[in-house]
Amino acid sequence: MKTTTKPVQALYAYQQTDINNILDQLENASNLKLLYQLPTGGGKTVVFSEIARQFMERFNKKVMILTHRKELCTQTSKTLKNMGVENRVINSTSGNLKANCDCYVAMVETLRNRIKSKKIKTADVGLVIVDEAHHNSFRKLMGSFKKAFVIGVTATPFSSDITKPMNSHYKSLISGENISSLIEKGFLAKPTSYVYEVELNSLKTGLHGDYTVSSSNDLYSSPVMLELLLKAYKENAAGKKTLIFNNGIAASQKVYETFTDAGISIKHLDNKCSDQERKEILKWFKKTKGAVLTSVSILTTGFDEPTVQHIILNRATTSITLYHQMIGRGARSLPSKKTFGIIDLGNNIQRFGKWEEPVDWQNVFDHPDVFAKQLHYQGGGTSAVQSHGFSAELRARFPNTLEMTFDIEEQYHEVLHTDKKPKTVIQQSIRQQAKMCLDNAGTLSEALFLAEALLPEIEWRVKQYVKCLENASTNYKKWLIEDYQQRLKGLIIKLFPKIKAA
């Protein structure tokens, strides 16, 4: 096995810090299962390639790197070589692990088949690195590496299947530099967001919780949405190299037709295109100034084109991972590119928050069920509204409250009929939730903690209230949520001495 004492490719300070931290944990653990988080564009592959290189030198054991797509296999192998690590890709023709090679890259399903047919033995593998670890396909393989360290790598440590939370497999999380810090230091481009609120009531959710392709095609193929897309593009992205993400092929093809009719240079790409067609389209996109590429899913991972200047989310999603992956395609920084644009036509920024805002990933890792509920409340489609309700965990925190719900729409119509101001609805809602917190807390700090736990419900109520107002802006809604929280806490502080004195 040939390695170098230093990485061939230079490492950034934040990458080196994370590498040292992870290797220290490997040195001091006997059965480590660690999850590592770093934003898209932060250089996750470089980081785990260097970890693999140093692990082999220190421990003299083999390393297995798992991916879930062919493109990622190829890219990972190339990065490893750039870091001075000789490696082999395991494919359908591979034999046993070779004595003269200590690092392997494999797609999950390919390796599973090779192990099952007993053509590959895994006893000598000391470290397994799982790329895009939020996918769950890797779990079926872990039984074959019982004595190995496991490091999962992802930009979003939140499982794609809520029934299989990441903290049930990984025992700890290390978070690297966050997006805002990487932007500030010049490693990622700074985004400017353009939000067009869209009525998503026609969208339906599927078995896995995200919006269905058929309902997305119906909405985003409609003349009104195609007109809005073209308008948004002309207002904010005209002449800029642009990626458009869609949820369905039919919608993407409609986008292609609409832009072509408008005289805009555009091509369409989906997973039905041949390898040669894809290669030619991506080559055209790279070389053509102001090119527009409309696609379906295929470019969310395993695609790196730093010259992208604008991202259009012509779809809604309930997946925070997909949200970060799509926007991340435009975040690569170049000497000639320090900023990029985002057009959101799916209320995604409203649902997840701005892409560049820090996320408490440790809290997400520790409490994935609570985080999932928050996303559910902010989902935006018909299914999300119809299934609105308190989780069993949240309801258990308010055992002394019989009625936790509050019908915003009903109360809004009631105040209008009685000639009261609309803001009365918010005042009534705050009073109801303040009473809930006071009735179920023994101390002031406990009551304020319960108020914090109500944030998903507060956001849902404000959303319903803003819908009643019809013309309220996104900024007003954001302000109203913050003002609601402050007033709720203020009322609790004001009433607590009186309640306890009584």
Protein backbone atom coordinates (compact mmCIF):
# COMPACT_ATOMS: atom_id res chain seq x y z
CA MET A 1 0.00 0.00 0.00
CA LYS A 2 1.46 3.34 -1.04
CA THR A 3 0.67 6.42 1.01
CA THR A 4 2.36 9.73 1.65
CA THR A 5 3.28 11.25 4.98
CA LYS A 6 1.40 14.40 4.00
CA PRO A 7 -1.77 14.82 1.93
CA VAL A 8 -1.12 15.69 -1.71
CA GLN A 9 -4.01 18.18 -1.67
CA ALA A 10 -3.79 21.07 0.80
CA LEU A 11 -6.34 21.12 3.61
CA TYR A 12 -8.17 24.12 4.98
CA ALA A 13 -7.80 24.89 8.69
CA TYR A 14 -11.39 23.91 9.52
CA GLN A 15 -10.96 20.60 7.67
CA GLN A 16 -7.74 19.83 9.53
CA THR A 17 -9.42 20.59 12.86
CA ASP A 18 -12.23 18.14 12.13
CA ILE A 19 -9.80 15.47 10.90
CA ASN A 20 -7.75 15.75 14.10
CA ASN A 21 -10.89 15.57 16.23
CA ILE A 22 -12.19 12.46 14.48
CA LEU A 23 -8.82 10.67 14.52
CA ASP A 24 -8.43 11.42 18.23
CA GLN A 25 -11.77 9.72 18.85
CA LEU A 26 -10.65 6.73 16.77
CA GLU A 27 -7.50 6.45 18.88
CA ASN A 28 -9.46 6.41 22.13
CA ALA A 29 -12.46 4.21 21.28
CA SER A 30 -12.95 0.48 20.87
CA ASN A 31 -16.20 0.41 18.89
CA LEU A 32 -16.76 3.91 17.55
CA LYS A 33 -19.83 4.75 15.47
CA LEU A 34 -19.49 8.41 14.65
CA LEU A 35 -21.53 10.75 12.44
CA TYR A 36 -19.75 13.71 10.83
CA GLN A 37 -21.66 16.70 9.45
CA LEU A 38 -20.27 19.28 7.03
CA PRO A 39 -22.27 21.46 4.59
CA THR A 40 -22.41 20.75 0.88
CA GLY A 41 -19.38 22.49 -0.61
CA GLY A 42 -17.35 22.21 2.59
CA GLY A 43 -15.23 19.35 1.23
CA LYS A 44 -16.60 16.25 2.96
CA THR A 45 -14.91 13.89 0.49
CA VAL A 46 -11.53 15.54 1.03
CA VAL A 47 -11.97 15.25 4.81
CA PHE A 48 -12.86 11.56 4.87
CA SER A 49 -10.21 10.77 2.24
CA GLU A 50 -7.54 12.21 4.53
CA ILE A 51 -9.05 10.32 7.49
CA ALA A 52 -8.78 7.11 5.45
CA ARG A 53 -5.15 7.87 4.55
CA GLN A 54 -4.10 8.54 8.13
CA PHE A 55 -6.13 5.61 9.51
CA MET A 56 -4.30 3.14 7.28
CA GLU A 57 -0.93 4.54 8.35
CA ARG A 58 -1.75 4.48 12.06
CA PHE A 59 -3.72 1.25 12.36
CA ASN A 60 -2.44 -0.77 9.39
CA LYS A 61 -5.96 -1.93 8.51
CA LYS A 62 -8.11 -1.70 5.41
CA VAL A 63 -10.72 1.00 4.75
CA MET A 64 -14.06 0.53 2.97
CA ILE A 65 -15.92 3.59 1.65
CA LEU A 66 -19.60 3.15 0.78
CA THR A 67 -21.63 5.31 -1.59
CA HIS A 68 -25.11 4.93 -3.05
CA ARG A 69 -24.50 6.15 -6.62
CA LYS A 70 -22.10 5.22 -9.41
CA GLU A 71 -21.09 8.85 -9.98
CA LEU A 72 -20.14 9.24 -6.32
CA CYS A 73 -18.03 6.08 -6.50
CA THR A 74 -16.01 7.52 -9.37
CA GLN A 75 -15.63 10.95 -7.77
CA THR A 76 -14.62 9.48 -4.41
CA SER A 77 -11.99 7.26 -6.03
CA LYS A 78 -10.55 10.27 -7.86
CA THR A 79 -10.41 12.39 -4.70
CA LEU A 80 -8.66 9.59 -2.81
CA LYS A 81 -5.99 9.43 -5.50
CA ASN A 82 -5.60 13.22 -5.33
CA MET A 83 -4.98 12.82 -1.59
CA GLY A 84 -2.25 10.24 -2.23
CA VAL A 85 -4.35 7.16 -1.51
CA GLU A 86 -4.29 4.29 -3.98
CA ASN A 87 -7.69 2.60 -4.07
CA ARG A 88 -9.88 0.23 -6.01
CA VAL A 89 -13.54 0.44 -6.93
CA ILE A 90 -15.47 -2.75 -6.23
CA ASN A 91 -17.72 -3.65 -9.13
CA SER A 92 -19.45 -6.72 -10.49
CA THR A 93 -16.15 -8.24 -11.66
CA SER A 94 -14.15 -7.66 -8.45
CA GLY A 95 -12.56 -10.58 -6.67
CA ASN A 96 -11.52 -10.73 -3.03
CA LEU A 97 -9.93 -7.77 -1.30
CA LYS A 98 -6.34 -7.64 -2.53
CA ALA A 99 -3.35 -7.93 -0.22
CA ASN A 100 -1.61 -5.02 -1.94
CA CYS A 101 -4.54 -2.59 -1.64
CA ASP A 102 -5.90 -1.20 1.61
CA CYS A 103 -8.65 1.18 0.44
CA TYR A 104 -11.81 0.28 -1.44
CA VAL A 105 -14.80 2.23 -2.75
CA ALA A 106 -18.10 0.48 -3.41
CA MET A 107 -21.77 1.10 -4.04
CA VAL A 108 -23.86 -0.35 -1.24
CA GLU A 109 -25.84 -2.81 -3.35
CA THR A 110 -22.78 -4.00 -5.31
CA LEU A 111 -20.82 -4.73 -2.14
CA ARG A 112 -23.80 -6.43 -0.55
CA ASN A 113 -24.08 -8.81 -3.49
CA ARG A 114 -20.34 -9.53 -3.47
CA ILE A 115 -20.38 -10.30 0.28
CA LYS A 116 -23.50 -12.42 -0.06
CA SER A 117 -21.84 -14.54 -2.76
CA LYS A 118 -18.82 -14.87 -0.43
CA LYS A 119 -16.50 -13.39 -3.05
CA ILE A 120 -15.34 -10.69 -0.66
CA LYS A 121 -14.25 -11.14 2.96
CA THR A 122 -14.54 -8.20 5.31
CA ALA A 123 -12.66 -9.33 8.43
CA ASP A 124 -9.60 -7.21 7.60
CA VAL A 125 -11.57 -3.98 7.26
CA GLY A 126 -10.90 -1.70 10.23
CA LEU A 127 -12.84 1.40 9.13
CA VAL A 128 -16.07 1.82 7.18
CA ILE A 129 -16.88 5.31 5.88
CA VAL A 130 -20.47 5.86 4.74
CA ASP A 131 -20.95 8.79 2.33
CA GLU A 132 -24.40 10.46 2.24
CA ALA A 133 -25.12 8.66 5.51
CA HIS A 134 -28.66 10.01 5.85
CA HIS A 135 -29.70 7.27 3.41
CA ASN A 136 -30.57 4.00 5.11
CA SER A 137 -29.42 1.48 2.50
CA PHE A 138 -26.04 1.07 4.26
CA ARG A 139 -27.56 -0.46 7.41
CA LYS A 140 -28.07 -3.85 5.82
CA LEU A 141 -24.28 -4.12 5.44
CA MET A 142 -23.17 -3.19 8.94
CA GLY A 143 -23.50 -6.74 10.22
CA SER A 144 -20.59 -7.66 7.95
CA PHE A 145 -18.28 -5.14 9.65
CA LYS A 146 -18.93 -5.86 13.33
CA LYS A 147 -15.35 -5.15 14.43
CA ALA A 148 -14.80 -2.05 12.30
CA PHE A 149 -15.07 1.61 13.23
CA VAL A 150 -17.91 3.33 11.37
CA ILE A 151 -17.93 6.98 10.29
CA GLY A 152 -21.03 8.34 8.57
CA VAL A 153 -20.69 11.56 6.57
CA THR A 154 -23.53 13.90 5.63
CA ALA A 155 -24.46 17.55 5.20
CA THR A 156 -27.77 16.95 7.00
CA PRO A 157 -27.73 14.45 9.92
CA PHE A 158 -31.44 13.70 9.68
CA SER A 159 -32.55 10.28 8.45
CA SER A 160 -34.48 9.96 5.20
CA ASP A 161 -36.69 7.52 7.13
CA ILE A 162 -37.94 8.90 10.46
CA THR A 163 -38.59 5.37 11.71
CA LYS A 164 -34.83 4.77 11.54
CA PRO A 165 -33.31 7.81 13.30
CA MET A 166 -29.59 8.32 12.92
CA ASN A 167 -28.97 8.29 16.67
CA SER A 168 -30.17 4.67 16.76
CA HIS A 169 -27.05 3.65 14.81
CA TYR A 170 -24.48 6.39 15.41
CA LYS A 171 -23.52 7.11 18.98
CA SER A 172 -22.21 10.66 18.59
CA LEU A 173 -22.12 13.60 16.19
CA ILE A 174 -19.31 15.95 15.19
CA SER A 175 -20.44 19.07 13.33
CA GLY A 176 -17.96 20.97 11.18
CA GLU A 177 -18.00 24.60 10.09
CA ASN A 178 -21.51 25.91 9.41
CA ILE A 179 -22.68 27.49 6.16
CA SER A 180 -22.68 31.10 7.35
CA SER A 181 -19.09 30.74 8.58
CA LEU A 182 -17.96 29.16 5.31
CA ILE A 183 -19.58 32.08 3.44
CA GLU A 184 -17.93 34.64 5.71
CA LYS A 185 -14.51 33.05 5.15
CA GLY A 186 -15.01 32.92 1.38
CA PHE A 187 -15.28 29.15 0.99
CA LEU A 188 -18.90 29.33 -0.20
CA ALA A 189 -20.72 31.96 -2.26
CA LYS A 190 -23.23 34.24 -0.55
CA PRO A 191 -26.86 33.67 -1.62
CA THR A 192 -29.59 36.19 -2.36
CA SER A 193 -33.07 34.69 -2.08
CA TYR A 194 -36.16 35.63 -4.06
CA VAL A 195 -39.31 34.14 -2.56
CA TYR A 196 -42.61 33.83 -4.41
CA GLU A 197 -45.26 32.40 -2.12
CA VAL A 198 -47.20 29.63 -3.83
CA GLU A 199 -50.50 28.02 -2.86
CA LEU A 200 -49.62 24.35 -2.32
CA ASN A 201 -53.00 22.99 -1.23
CA SER A 202 -53.24 20.79 -4.33
CA LEU A 203 -50.06 18.89 -3.43
CA LYS A 204 -50.39 15.47 -1.86
CA THR A 205 -47.87 13.61 0.27
CA GLY A 206 -46.76 10.08 -0.50
CA LEU A 207 -45.79 7.12 1.67
CA HIS A 208 -42.36 8.56 2.46
CA GLY A 209 -43.74 11.95 3.47
CA ASP A 210 -42.64 14.07 0.51
CA TYR A 211 -44.93 15.51 -2.14
CA THR A 212 -45.95 13.11 -4.88
CA VAL A 213 -44.62 13.44 -8.41
CA SER A 214 -48.11 13.36 -9.93
CA SER A 215 -49.51 16.19 -7.81
CA SER A 216 -46.30 18.20 -8.34
CA ASN A 217 -46.52 17.70 -12.10
CA ASP A 218 -50.13 18.88 -12.10
CA LEU A 219 -49.32 22.05 -10.17
CA TYR A 220 -46.02 23.01 -11.81
CA SER A 221 -47.17 22.17 -15.35
CA SER A 222 -50.13 24.54 -15.02
CA PRO A 223 -50.07 27.73 -17.16
CA VAL A 224 -50.14 29.99 -14.09
CA MET A 225 -47.08 28.35 -12.51
CA LEU A 226 -45.14 28.29 -15.78
CA GLU A 227 -45.91 31.98 -16.21
CA LEU A 228 -44.76 32.68 -12.64
CA LEU A 229 -41.53 30.72 -13.22
CA LEU A 230 -40.73 32.61 -16.41
CA LYS A 231 -41.52 35.93 -14.71
CA ALA A 232 -39.30 35.09 -11.71
CA TYR A 233 -36.45 34.05 -14.01
CA LYS A 234 -36.64 37.22 -16.11
CA GLU A 235 -36.80 39.43 -13.01
CA ASN A 236 -33.87 37.85 -11.15
CA ALA A 237 -31.81 35.41 -13.21
CA ALA A 238 -31.96 36.46 -16.87
CA GLY A 239 -28.63 35.88 -18.59
CA LYS A 240 -27.20 33.90 -15.65
CA LYS A 241 -26.22 30.25 -15.72
CA THR A 242 -29.22 28.64 -14.02
CA LEU A 243 -30.24 25.24 -12.66
CA ILE A 244 -33.97 24.55 -12.34
CA PHE A 245 -35.02 21.69 -10.05
CA ASN A 246 -38.38 19.96 -10.61
CA ASN A 247 -40.15 17.04 -8.94
CA GLY A 248 -41.48 15.44 -12.13
CA ILE A 249 -40.33 14.86 -15.70
CA ALA A 250 -43.58 16.22 -17.16
CA ALA A 251 -43.13 19.52 -15.33
CA SER A 252 -39.49 19.79 -16.41
CA GLN A 253 -40.41 19.18 -20.03
CA LYS A 254 -43.06 21.91 -19.80
CA VAL A 255 -40.42 24.24 -18.40
CA TYR A 256 -38.18 23.38 -21.36
CA GLU A 257 -40.98 24.15 -23.84
CA THR A 258 -41.91 27.41 -22.11
CA PHE A 259 -38.35 28.74 -22.00
CA THR A 260 -37.64 27.60 -25.57
CA ASP A 261 -40.72 29.46 -26.79
CA ALA A 262 -39.44 32.53 -24.95
CA GLY A 263 -36.14 32.33 -26.83
CA ILE A 264 -34.08 31.25 -23.80
CA SER A 265 -31.20 28.77 -24.27
CA ILE A 266 -32.27 25.72 -22.23
CA LYS A 267 -31.93 21.93 -22.11
CA HIS A 268 -33.79 19.23 -20.15
CA LEU A 269 -32.13 16.38 -18.25
CA ASP A 270 -33.61 13.42 -16.36
CA ASN A 271 -32.65 9.86 -15.44
CA LYS A 272 -34.05 8.51 -18.72
CA CYS A 273 -31.32 10.26 -20.69
CA SER A 274 -28.50 7.99 -21.83
CA ASP A 275 -25.00 8.39 -20.40
CA GLN A 276 -23.89 9.94 -23.69
CA GLU A 277 -26.82 12.39 -23.74
CA ARG A 278 -26.11 13.39 -20.17
CA LYS A 279 -22.41 13.90 -20.93
CA GLU A 280 -23.20 16.12 -23.93
CA ILE A 281 -25.81 18.17 -22.06
CA LEU A 282 -23.52 18.79 -19.07
CA LYS A 283 -20.68 19.73 -21.44
CA TRP A 284 -23.00 22.23 -23.17
CA PHE A 285 -24.11 23.62 -19.81
CA LYS A 286 -20.52 24.10 -18.67
CA LYS A 287 -19.39 25.91 -21.81
CA THR A 288 -22.48 28.00 -22.59
CA LYS A 289 -22.75 31.44 -21.02
CA GLY A 290 -26.19 32.07 -19.50
CA ALA A 291 -27.29 28.46 -20.11
CA VAL A 292 -30.39 27.15 -18.35
CA LEU A 293 -30.70 23.48 -17.38
CA THR A 294 -34.01 22.07 -16.14
CA SER A 295 -33.72 18.71 -14.41
CA VAL A 296 -35.39 16.13 -12.20
CA SER A 297 -33.52 14.87 -9.10
CA ILE A 298 -30.49 13.67 -11.04
CA LEU A 299 -28.25 16.67 -10.27
CA THR A 300 -28.84 16.87 -6.51
CA THR A 301 -25.77 14.71 -5.72
CA GLY A 302 -22.66 13.74 -7.66
CA PHE A 303 -22.73 16.95 -9.71
CA ASP A 304 -20.28 19.80 -9.33
CA GLU A 305 -20.38 22.81 -11.64
CA PRO A 306 -18.96 25.88 -9.84
CA THR A 307 -20.04 28.29 -12.58
CA VAL A 308 -23.74 27.96 -11.68
CA GLN A 309 -25.00 31.45 -10.81
CA HIS A 310 -28.64 30.82 -9.98
CA ILE A 311 -30.78 28.04 -8.51
CA ILE A 312 -34.53 27.81 -9.05
CA LEU A 313 -36.55 25.53 -6.77
CA ASN A 314 -39.48 24.89 -9.09
CA ARG A 315 -40.87 22.41 -6.62
CA ALA A 316 -41.76 21.94 -2.96
CA THR A 317 -40.17 19.33 -0.74
CA THR A 318 -40.47 18.23 2.87
CA SER A 319 -36.89 16.87 2.82
CA ILE A 320 -34.36 19.20 4.45
CA THR A 321 -31.59 17.08 2.91
CA LEU A 322 -32.90 17.61 -0.61
CA TYR A 323 -33.39 21.31 0.14
CA HIS A 324 -29.74 21.71 1.14
CA GLN A 325 -28.50 19.57 -1.76
CA MET A 326 -30.36 21.56 -4.41
CA ILE A 327 -29.22 24.97 -3.17
CA GLY A 328 -25.71 23.65 -2.58
CA ARG A 329 -25.30 23.13 -6.34
CA GLY A 330 -25.01 26.90 -6.71
CA ALA A 331 -22.89 27.61 -3.64
CA ARG A 332 -19.43 26.88 -5.04
CA SER A 333 -17.18 29.91 -4.77
CA LEU A 334 -14.83 31.09 -7.52
CA PRO A 335 -12.51 34.11 -7.79
CA SER A 336 -15.04 35.53 -10.25
CA LYS A 337 -18.10 34.34 -8.33
CA LYS A 338 -18.75 35.39 -4.75
CA THR A 339 -22.56 35.38 -4.82
CA PHE A 340 -25.41 33.36 -6.30
CA GLY A 341 -29.19 33.62 -6.45
CA ILE A 342 -32.03 31.41 -5.23
CA ILE A 343 -35.60 31.59 -6.54
CA ASP A 344 -38.02 29.64 -4.35
CA LEU A 345 -41.34 28.64 -5.91
CA GLY A 346 -42.25 25.99 -3.34
CA ASN A 347 -42.35 27.81 0.03
CA ASN A 348 -39.20 25.85 0.93
CA ILE A 349 -37.38 28.74 2.60
CA GLN A 350 -40.47 29.34 4.70
CA ARG A 351 -40.50 25.65 5.65
CA PHE A 352 -36.83 25.16 6.48
CA GLY A 353 -35.47 28.65 7.05
CA LYS A 354 -32.83 30.32 4.93
CA TRP A 355 -30.20 27.90 3.62
CA GLU A 356 -27.37 29.96 5.05
CA GLU A 357 -28.82 30.23 8.57
CA PRO A 358 -27.11 27.94 11.13
CA VAL A 359 -28.99 24.80 12.16
CA ASP A 360 -28.55 23.19 15.57
CA TRP A 361 -27.66 19.80 14.12
CA GLN A 362 -26.82 18.38 17.54
CA ASN A 363 -30.40 19.05 18.62
CA VAL A 364 -31.70 17.51 15.38
CA PHE A 365 -29.53 14.43 15.98
CA ASP A 366 -30.65 14.13 19.63
CA HIS A 367 -34.36 14.81 18.99
CA PRO A 368 -35.21 13.78 15.41
CA ASP A 369 -38.87 13.15 16.24
CA VAL A 370 -39.37 16.72 17.46
CA PHE A 371 -37.58 18.11 14.40
CA ALA A 372 -39.73 15.96 12.10
CA LYS A 373 -42.87 17.34 13.73
CA GLN A 374 -41.67 20.90 13.18
CA LEU A 375 -41.13 20.20 9.49
CA HIS A 376 -44.52 18.52 9.33
CA TYR A 377 -46.29 21.57 10.74
CA GLN A 378 -44.55 23.77 8.17
CA GLY A 379 -45.17 21.40 5.27
CA GLY A 380 -47.62 23.64 3.45
CA GLY A 381 -49.69 21.12 1.45
CA THR A 382 -53.22 19.87 2.02
CA SER A 383 -52.03 16.77 3.83
CA ALA A 384 -50.04 18.82 6.31
CA VAL A 385 -53.07 20.94 7.20
CA GLN A 386 -55.50 18.05 7.43
CA SER A 387 -53.24 16.02 9.71
CA HIS A 388 -52.31 18.94 11.98
CA GLY A 389 -52.28 17.93 15.60
CA PHE A 390 -50.12 17.62 18.68
CA SER A 391 -47.61 14.82 18.90
CA ALA A 392 -47.97 12.38 21.77
CA GLU A 393 -44.69 13.68 23.20
CA LEU A 394 -45.84 17.31 23.19
CA ARG A 395 -49.30 16.49 24.53
CA ALA A 396 -47.70 14.59 27.40
CA ARG A 397 -46.05 17.81 28.53
CA PHE A 398 -49.47 19.38 29.18
CA PRO A 399 -51.31 16.78 31.30
CA ASN A 400 -53.46 19.41 33.05
CA THR A 401 -54.83 20.86 29.79
CA LEU A 402 -57.87 19.22 28.24
CA GLU A 403 -58.17 21.33 25.08
CA MET A 404 -54.89 22.26 23.39
CA THR A 405 -56.23 23.23 19.96
CA PHE A 406 -57.29 26.69 18.80
CA ASP A 407 -59.18 27.25 15.54
CA ILE A 408 -57.58 30.37 14.06
CA GLU A 409 -59.88 30.58 11.05
CA GLU A 410 -63.05 30.22 13.15
CA GLN A 411 -61.87 32.83 15.64
CA TYR A 412 -60.91 35.19 12.81
CA HIS A 413 -64.40 35.10 11.31
CA GLU A 414 -65.85 35.52 14.79
CA VAL A 415 -63.94 38.76 15.49
CA LEU A 416 -64.93 40.15 12.08
CA HIS A 417 -68.61 39.50 12.82
CA THR A 418 -68.29 41.29 16.17
CA ASP A 419 -66.43 44.29 14.66
CA LYS A 420 -63.21 43.56 16.55
CA LYS A 421 -59.73 44.01 15.12
CA PRO A 422 -58.12 40.94 13.51
CA LYS A 423 -55.18 41.09 15.92
CA THR A 424 -57.64 40.06 18.65
CA VAL A 425 -57.28 36.50 17.32
CA ILE A 426 -53.55 36.51 18.08
CA GLN A 427 -54.19 37.98 21.53
CA GLN A 428 -56.69 35.20 22.31
CA SER A 429 -54.29 32.55 21.05
CA ILE A 430 -51.46 33.89 23.22
CA ARG A 431 -53.70 33.94 26.30
CA GLN A 432 -54.76 30.33 25.70
CA GLN A 433 -51.17 29.10 25.34
CA ALA A 434 -49.98 31.13 28.34
CA LYS A 435 -52.64 29.41 30.46
CA MET A 436 -51.51 26.03 29.13
CA CYS A 437 -47.92 26.72 30.21
CA LEU A 438 -48.91 28.06 33.63
CA ASP A 439 -51.29 25.18 34.34
CA ASN A 440 -48.57 22.60 33.68
CA ALA A 441 -45.50 24.16 35.33
CA GLY A 442 -44.33 24.34 38.91
CA THR A 443 -41.77 27.08 38.33
CA LEU A 444 -41.43 30.07 36.04
CA SER A 445 -38.51 28.49 34.17
CA GLU A 446 -40.59 25.36 33.51
CA ALA A 447 -43.43 27.50 32.13
CA LEU A 448 -41.04 29.34 29.80
CA PHE A 449 -39.55 26.02 28.68
CA LEU A 450 -43.04 24.81 27.76
CA ALA A 451 -43.53 28.00 25.76
CA GLU A 452 -40.41 27.14 23.76
CA ALA A 453 -41.78 23.66 23.07
CA LEU A 454 -44.88 25.24 21.52
CA LEU A 455 -42.92 26.86 18.67
CA PRO A 456 -44.18 24.47 15.92
CA GLU A 457 -47.77 25.14 17.03
CA ILE A 458 -47.13 28.89 17.15
CA GLU A 459 -45.74 28.86 13.61
CA TRP A 460 -48.73 26.86 12.41
CA ARG A 461 -51.21 29.26 14.04
CA VAL A 462 -49.48 32.32 12.60
CA LYS A 463 -49.49 30.71 9.17
CA GLN A 464 -53.26 30.17 9.39
CA TYR A 465 -53.75 33.74 10.60
CA VAL A 466 -51.70 35.20 7.74
CA LYS A 467 -53.75 33.16 5.26
CA CYS A 468 -56.87 34.81 6.64
CA LEU A 469 -55.33 38.25 6.05
CA GLU A 470 -54.60 37.26 2.41
CA ASN A 471 -52.22 40.12 1.57
CA ALA A 472 -49.71 39.79 4.40
CA SER A 473 -46.04 39.56 3.38
CA THR A 474 -43.52 36.87 4.26
CA ASN A 475 -41.55 39.41 6.32
CA TYR A 476 -44.67 40.27 8.30
CA LYS A 477 -45.26 36.59 9.05
CA LYS A 478 -41.67 36.16 10.22
CA TRP A 479 -41.96 39.24 12.44
CA LEU A 480 -45.31 38.05 13.80
CA ILE A 481 -43.86 34.69 14.89
CA GLU A 482 -41.05 36.43 16.77
CA ASP A 483 -43.45 38.98 18.30
CA TYR A 484 -45.88 36.19 19.29
CA GLN A 485 -43.11 34.32 21.14
CA GLN A 486 -41.98 37.44 22.99
CA ARG A 487 -45.53 38.36 24.01
CA LEU A 488 -46.27 34.80 25.13
CA LYS A 489 -43.20 34.74 27.37
CA GLY A 490 -43.99 38.25 28.62
CA LEU A 491 -47.53 37.27 29.59
CA ILE A 492 -46.27 34.14 31.38
CA ILE A 493 -43.77 36.22 33.38
CA LYS A 494 -46.49 38.75 34.22
CA LEU A 495 -49.11 36.22 35.31
CA PHE A 496 -46.91 33.66 37.08
CA PRO A 497 -46.73 35.46 40.49
CA LYS A 498 -50.49 36.06 40.47
CA ILE A 499 -51.33 32.45 39.57
CA LYS A 500 -49.05 30.99 42.24
CA ALA A 501 -50.24 33.50 44.87
CA ALA A 502 -53.81 32.42 44.25
